[in-house]
Amino acid sequence: TEAKDAAMIAERVRAQVAAKPFSLTD
């Protein structure tokens, strides 16, 4: 994996984490 592709995937992960709140069992 080249740096540009790694950065693109990293951004996708970051966006998916921030996009939706985390729900707890309570």
PDB file of all heavy atoms in Angstrom:
ATOM      1  N   THR A   1       0.830  -1.209   0.000  1.00  0.00           N
ATOM      2  CA  THR A   1       0.000   0.000   0.000  1.00  0.00           C
ATOM      3  C   THR A   1       0.859   1.251   0.000  1.00  0.00           C
ATOM      4  O   THR A   1       1.729   1.424   0.860  1.00  0.00           O
ATOM      5  CB  THR A   1      -0.919   0.019   1.233  1.00  0.00           C
ATOM      6  OG1 THR A   1      -1.677  -1.190   1.277  1.00  0.00           O
ATOM      7  CG2 THR A   1      -1.872   1.204   1.192  1.00  0.00           C
ATOM      8  N   GLU A   2       0.600   2.152  -0.958  1.00  0.00           N
ATOM      9  CA  GLU A   2       1.270   3.449  -1.020  1.00  0.00           C
ATOM     10  C   GLU A   2       0.633   4.405  -0.013  1.00  0.00           C
ATOM     11  O   GLU A   2      -0.491   4.204   0.448  1.00  0.00           O
ATOM     12  CB  GLU A   2       1.154   4.024  -2.434  1.00  0.00           C
ATOM     13  CG  GLU A   2       1.813   3.195  -3.516  1.00  0.00           C
ATOM     14  CD  GLU A   2       3.332   3.299  -3.496  1.00  0.00           C
ATOM     15  OE1 GLU A   2       3.841   4.225  -2.825  1.00  0.00           O
ATOM     16  OE2 GLU A   2       3.993   2.472  -4.143  1.00  0.00           O
ATOM     17  N   ALA A   3       1.348   5.486   0.283  1.00  0.00           N
ATOM     18  CA  ALA A   3       0.908   6.435   1.293  1.00  0.00           C
ATOM     19  C   ALA A   3      -0.441   7.066   0.942  1.00  0.00           C
ATOM     20  O   ALA A   3      -1.310   7.225   1.811  1.00  0.00           O
ATOM     21  CB  ALA A   3       1.964   7.521   1.480  1.00  0.00           C
ATOM     22  N   LYS A   4      -0.659   7.417  -0.333  1.00  0.00           N
ATOM     23  CA  LYS A   4      -1.909   8.085  -0.717  1.00  0.00           C
ATOM     24  C   LYS A   4      -3.115   7.173  -0.528  1.00  0.00           C
ATOM     25  O   LYS A   4      -4.194   7.615  -0.124  1.00  0.00           O
ATOM     26  CB  LYS A   4      -1.837   8.581  -2.154  1.00  0.00           C
ATOM     27  CG  LYS A   4      -1.626   7.513  -3.197  1.00  0.00           C
ATOM     28  CD  LYS A   4      -1.550   8.124  -4.603  1.00  0.00           C
ATOM     29  CE  LYS A   4      -1.321   7.063  -5.666  1.00  0.00           C
ATOM     30  NZ  LYS A   4      -2.404   6.081  -5.740  1.00  0.00           N
ATOM     31  N   ASP A   5      -2.934   5.881  -0.822  1.00  0.00           N
ATOM     32  CA  ASP A   5      -4.038   4.938  -0.634  1.00  0.00           C
ATOM     33  C   ASP A   5      -4.301   4.714   0.854  1.00  0.00           C
ATOM     34  O   ASP A   5      -5.463   4.611   1.288  1.00  0.00           O
ATOM     35  CB  ASP A   5      -3.701   3.607  -1.304  1.00  0.00           C
ATOM     36  CG  ASP A   5      -3.553   3.758  -2.810  1.00  0.00           C
ATOM     37  OD1 ASP A   5      -4.369   4.483  -3.414  1.00  0.00           O
ATOM     38  OD2 ASP A   5      -2.625   3.166  -3.387  1.00  0.00           O
ATOM     39  N   ALA A   6      -3.229   4.637   1.642  1.00  0.00           N
ATOM     40  CA  ALA A   6      -3.386   4.467   3.086  1.00  0.00           C
ATOM     41  C   ALA A   6      -4.118   5.662   3.686  1.00  0.00           C
ATOM     42  O   ALA A   6      -4.994   5.510   4.554  1.00  0.00           O
ATOM     43  CB  ALA A   6      -2.024   4.285   3.749  1.00  0.00           C
ATOM     44  N   ALA A   7      -3.772   6.873   3.216  1.00  0.00           N
ATOM     45  CA  ALA A   7      -4.416   8.085   3.733  1.00  0.00           C
ATOM     46  C   ALA A   7      -5.901   8.107   3.387  1.00  0.00           C
ATOM     47  O   ALA A   7      -6.737   8.536   4.204  1.00  0.00           O
ATOM     48  CB  ALA A   7      -3.717   9.313   3.154  1.00  0.00           C
ATOM     49  N   MET A   8      -6.239   7.621   2.194  1.00  0.00           N
ATOM     50  CA  MET A   8      -7.641   7.599   1.779  1.00  0.00           C
ATOM     51  C   MET A   8      -8.446   6.640   2.673  1.00  0.00           C
ATOM     52  O   MET A   8      -9.554   6.975   3.109  1.00  0.00           O
ATOM     53  CB  MET A   8      -7.730   7.151   0.318  1.00  0.00           C
ATOM     54  CG  MET A   8      -9.149   7.102  -0.232  1.00  0.00           C
ATOM     55  SD  MET A   8      -9.205   6.591  -1.960  1.00  0.00           S
ATOM     56  CE  MET A   8      -8.629   4.899  -1.800  1.00  0.00           C
ATOM     57  N   ILE A   9      -7.902   5.490   2.964  1.00  0.00           N
ATOM     58  CA  ILE A   9      -8.599   4.526   3.822  1.00  0.00           C
ATOM     59  C   ILE A   9      -8.685   5.054   5.250  1.00  0.00           C
ATOM     60  O   ILE A   9      -9.713   4.899   5.932  1.00  0.00           O
ATOM     61  CB  ILE A   9      -7.889   3.156   3.767  1.00  0.00           C
ATOM     62  CG1 ILE A   9      -8.007   2.581   2.344  1.00  0.00           C
ATOM     63  CG2 ILE A   9      -8.484   2.185   4.796  1.00  0.00           C
ATOM     64  CD1 ILE A   9      -7.122   1.390   2.084  1.00  0.00           C
ATOM     65  N   ALA A  10      -7.614   5.706   5.714  1.00  0.00           N
ATOM     66  CA  ALA A  10      -7.629   6.286   7.060  1.00  0.00           C
ATOM     67  C   ALA A  10      -8.732   7.324   7.188  1.00  0.00           C
ATOM     68  O   ALA A  10      -9.436   7.391   8.208  1.00  0.00           O
ATOM     69  CB  ALA A  10      -6.273   6.910   7.363  1.00  0.00           C
ATOM     70  N   GLU A  11      -8.898   8.134   6.159  1.00  0.00           N
ATOM     71  CA  GLU A  11      -9.945   9.159   6.178  1.00  0.00           C
ATOM     72  C   GLU A  11     -11.329   8.518   6.191  1.00  0.00           C
ATOM     73  O   GLU A  11     -12.248   9.004   6.865  1.00  0.00           O
ATOM     74  CB  GLU A  11      -9.790  10.087   4.976  1.00  0.00           C
ATOM     75  CG  GLU A  11     -10.866  11.158   4.841  1.00  0.00           C
ATOM     76  CD  GLU A  11     -10.963  12.060   6.070  1.00  0.00           C
ATOM     77  OE1 GLU A  11      -9.939  12.281   6.758  1.00  0.00           O
ATOM     78  OE2 GLU A  11     -12.090  12.543   6.348  1.00  0.00           O
ATOM     79  N   ARG A  12     -11.477   7.410   5.472  1.00  0.00           N
ATOM     80  CA  ARG A  12     -12.765   6.708   5.465  1.00  0.00           C
ATOM     81  C   ARG A  12     -13.091   6.176   6.864  1.00  0.00           C
ATOM     82  O   ARG A  12     -14.230   6.296   7.338  1.00  0.00           O
ATOM     83  CB  ARG A  12     -12.719   5.560   4.461  1.00  0.00           C
ATOM     84  CG  ARG A  12     -14.037   4.808   4.339  1.00  0.00           C
ATOM     85  CD  ARG A  12     -14.011   3.857   3.163  1.00  0.00           C
ATOM     86  NE  ARG A  12     -13.112   2.730   3.387  1.00  0.00           N
ATOM     87  CZ  ARG A  12     -12.536   2.035   2.401  1.00  0.00           C
ATOM     88  NH1 ARG A  12     -12.748   2.369   1.138  1.00  0.00           N
ATOM     89  NH2 ARG A  12     -11.748   1.021   2.679  1.00  0.00           N
ATOM     90  N   VAL A  13     -12.114   5.620   7.529  1.00  0.00           N
ATOM     91  CA  VAL A  13     -12.325   5.106   8.884  1.00  0.00           C
ATOM     92  C   VAL A  13     -12.698   6.255   9.821  1.00  0.00           C
ATOM     93  O   VAL A  13     -13.652   6.163  10.611  1.00  0.00           O
ATOM     94  CB  VAL A  13     -11.063   4.380   9.398  1.00  0.00           C
ATOM     95  CG1 VAL A  13     -11.225   4.020  10.873  1.00  0.00           C
ATOM     96  CG2 VAL A  13     -10.784   3.127   8.574  1.00  0.00           C
ATOM     97  N   ARG A  14     -11.943   7.359   9.726  1.00  0.00           N
ATOM     98  CA  ARG A  14     -12.214   8.504  10.605  1.00  0.00           C
ATOM     99  C   ARG A  14     -13.631   9.019  10.412  1.00  0.00           C
ATOM    100  O   ARG A  14     -14.367   9.272  11.387  1.00  0.00           O
ATOM    101  CB  ARG A  14     -11.206   9.624  10.292  1.00  0.00           C
ATOM    102  CG  ARG A  14     -11.361  10.843  11.222  1.00  0.00           C
ATOM    103  CD  ARG A  14     -10.900  12.121  10.553  1.00  0.00           C
ATOM    104  NE  ARG A  14     -11.723  12.468   9.395  1.00  0.00           N
ATOM    105  CZ  ARG A  14     -12.923  12.998   9.449  1.00  0.00           C
ATOM    106  NH1 ARG A  14     -13.495  13.262  10.627  1.00  0.00           N
ATOM    107  NH2 ARG A  14     -13.599  13.280   8.342  1.00  0.00           N
ATOM    108  N   ALA A  15     -14.048   9.142   9.141  1.00  0.00           N
ATOM    109  CA  ALA A  15     -15.368   9.680   8.839  1.00  0.00           C
ATOM    110  C   ALA A  15     -16.473   8.745   9.349  1.00  0.00           C
ATOM    111  O   ALA A  15     -17.500   9.205   9.882  1.00  0.00           O
ATOM    112  CB  ALA A  15     -15.513   9.906   7.340  1.00  0.00           C
ATOM    113  N   GLN A  16     -16.290   7.446   9.202  1.00  0.00           N
ATOM    114  CA  GLN A  16     -17.311   6.493   9.630  1.00  0.00           C
ATOM    115  C   GLN A  16     -17.447   6.453  11.150  1.00  0.00           C
ATOM    116  O   GLN A  16     -18.537   6.208  11.668  1.00  0.00           O
ATOM    117  CB  GLN A  16     -16.973   5.093   9.095  1.00  0.00           C
ATOM    118  CG  GLN A  16     -17.205   4.939   7.601  1.00  0.00           C
ATOM    119  CD  GLN A  16     -18.656   5.118   7.217  1.00  0.00           C
ATOM    120  OE1 GLN A  16     -19.563   4.644   7.923  1.00  0.00           O
ATOM    121  NE2 GLN A  16     -18.907   5.827   6.128  1.00  0.00           N
ATOM    122  N   VAL A  17     -16.361   6.687  11.847  1.00  0.00           N
ATOM    123  CA  VAL A  17     -16.430   6.718  13.311  1.00  0.00           C
ATOM    124  C   VAL A  17     -17.178   7.967  13.777  1.00  0.00           C
ATOM    125  O   VAL A  17     -18.022   7.915  14.679  1.00  0.00           O
ATOM    126  CB  VAL A  17     -15.013   6.668  13.922  1.00  0.00           C
ATOM    127  CG1 VAL A  17     -15.057   6.936  15.428  1.00  0.00           C
ATOM    128  CG2 VAL A  17     -14.367   5.309  13.649  1.00  0.00           C
ATOM    129  N   ALA A  18     -16.882   9.089  13.165  1.00  0.00           N
ATOM    130  CA  ALA A  18     -17.474  10.360  13.594  1.00  0.00           C
ATOM    131  C   ALA A  18     -18.910  10.543  13.122  1.00  0.00           C
ATOM    132  O   ALA A  18     -19.662  11.342  13.702  1.00  0.00           O
ATOM    133  CB  ALA A  18     -16.623  11.516  13.085  1.00  0.00           C
ATOM    134  N   ALA A  19     -19.321   9.804  12.090  1.00  0.00           N
ATOM    135  CA  ALA A  19     -20.609  10.053  11.448  1.00  0.00           C
ATOM    136  C   ALA A  19     -21.801   9.682  12.314  1.00  0.00           C
ATOM    137  O   ALA A  19     -22.871  10.290  12.213  1.00  0.00           O
ATOM    138  CB  ALA A  19     -20.681   9.293  10.115  1.00  0.00           C
ATOM    139  N   LYS A  20     -21.657   8.703  13.169  1.00  0.00           N
ATOM    140  CA  LYS A  20     -22.809   8.192  13.918  1.00  0.00           C
ATOM    141  C   LYS A  20     -22.424   7.973  15.374  1.00  0.00           C
ATOM    142  O   LYS A  20     -21.394   7.363  15.664  1.00  0.00           O
ATOM    143  CB  LYS A  20     -23.273   6.879  13.285  1.00  0.00           C
ATOM    144  CG  LYS A  20     -24.503   6.280  13.942  1.00  0.00           C
ATOM    145  CD  LYS A  20     -24.883   4.966  13.246  1.00  0.00           C
ATOM    146  CE  LYS A  20     -26.097   4.339  13.923  1.00  0.00           C
ATOM    147  NZ  LYS A  20     -26.460   3.044  13.285  1.00  0.00           N
ATOM    148  N   PRO A  21     -23.238   8.459  16.312  1.00  0.00           N
ATOM    149  CA  PRO A  21     -22.918   8.269  17.732  1.00  0.00           C
ATOM    150  C   PRO A  21     -22.834   6.779  18.105  1.00  0.00           C
ATOM    151  O   PRO A  21     -23.475   5.931  17.483  1.00  0.00           O
ATOM    152  CB  PRO A  21     -24.084   8.952  18.459  1.00  0.00           C
ATOM    153  CG  PRO A  21     -24.643   9.902  17.459  1.00  0.00           C
ATOM    154  CD  PRO A  21     -24.452   9.262  16.120  1.00  0.00           C
ATOM    155  N   PHE A  22     -22.064   6.494  19.122  1.00  0.00           N
ATOM    156  CA  PHE A  22     -21.942   5.142  19.646  1.00  0.00           C
ATOM    157  C   PHE A  22     -23.059   4.916  20.673  1.00  0.00           C
ATOM    158  O   PHE A  22     -23.288   5.760  21.540  1.00  0.00           O
ATOM    159  CB  PHE A  22     -20.585   4.938  20.317  1.00  0.00           C
ATOM    160  CG  PHE A  22     -19.445   4.746  19.354  1.00  0.00           C
ATOM    161  CD1 PHE A  22     -19.340   5.494  18.198  1.00  0.00           C
ATOM    162  CD2 PHE A  22     -18.457   3.819  19.629  1.00  0.00           C
ATOM    163  CE1 PHE A  22     -18.280   5.331  17.313  1.00  0.00           C
ATOM    164  CE2 PHE A  22     -17.390   3.638  18.761  1.00  0.00           C
ATOM    165  CZ  PHE A  22     -17.297   4.400  17.593  1.00  0.00           C
ATOM    166  N   SER A  23     -23.737   3.786  20.581  1.00  0.00           N
ATOM    167  CA  SER A  23     -24.822   3.464  21.511  1.00  0.00           C
ATOM    168  C   SER A  23     -24.342   2.469  22.551  1.00  0.00           C
ATOM    169  O   SER A  23     -23.697   1.471  22.221  1.00  0.00           O
ATOM    170  CB  SER A  23     -26.018   2.875  20.755  1.00  0.00           C
ATOM    171  OG  SER A  23     -26.521   3.807  19.829  1.00  0.00           O
ATOM    172  N   LEU A  24     -24.676   2.745  23.819  1.00  0.00           N
ATOM    173  CA  LEU A  24     -24.343   1.831  24.912  1.00  0.00           C
ATOM    174  C   LEU A  24     -25.553   0.988  25.264  1.00  0.00           C
ATOM    175  O   LEU A  24     -26.695   1.344  24.944  1.00  0.00           O
ATOM    176  CB  LEU A  24     -23.869   2.621  26.134  1.00  0.00           C
ATOM    177  CG  LEU A  24     -22.685   3.570  25.913  1.00  0.00           C
ATOM    178  CD1 LEU A  24     -22.302   4.252  27.224  1.00  0.00           C
ATOM    179  CD2 LEU A  24     -21.490   2.837  25.323  1.00  0.00           C
ATOM    180  N   THR A  25     -25.327  -0.123  25.942  1.00  0.00           N
ATOM    181  CA  THR A  25     -26.427  -1.036  26.271  1.00  0.00           C
ATOM    182  C   THR A  25     -27.441  -0.418  27.225  1.00  0.00           C
ATOM    183  O   THR A  25     -28.588  -0.871  27.302  1.00  0.00           O
ATOM    184  CB  THR A  25     -25.884  -2.347  26.872  1.00  0.00           C
ATOM    185  OG1 THR A  25     -25.055  -2.033  27.990  1.00  0.00           O
ATOM    186  CG2 THR A  25     -25.088  -3.132  25.854  1.00  0.00           C
ATOM    187  N   ASP A  26     -27.019   0.608  27.966  1.00  0.00           N
ATOM    188  CA  ASP A  26     -27.962   1.240  28.897  1.00  0.00           C
ATOM    189  C   ASP A  26     -28.808   2.318  28.218  1.00  0.00           C
ATOM    190  O   ASP A  26     -29.569   3.032  28.876  1.00  0.00           O
ATOM    191  CB  ASP A  26     -27.227   1.820  30.099  1.00  0.00           C
ATOM    192  CG  ASP A  26     -26.260   2.939  29.720  1.00  0.00           C
ATOM    193  OD1 ASP A  26     -26.219   3.331  28.531  1.00  0.00           O
ATOM    194  OD2 ASP A  26     -25.520   3.409  30.615  1.00  0.00           O
TER     195      ASP A  26
END
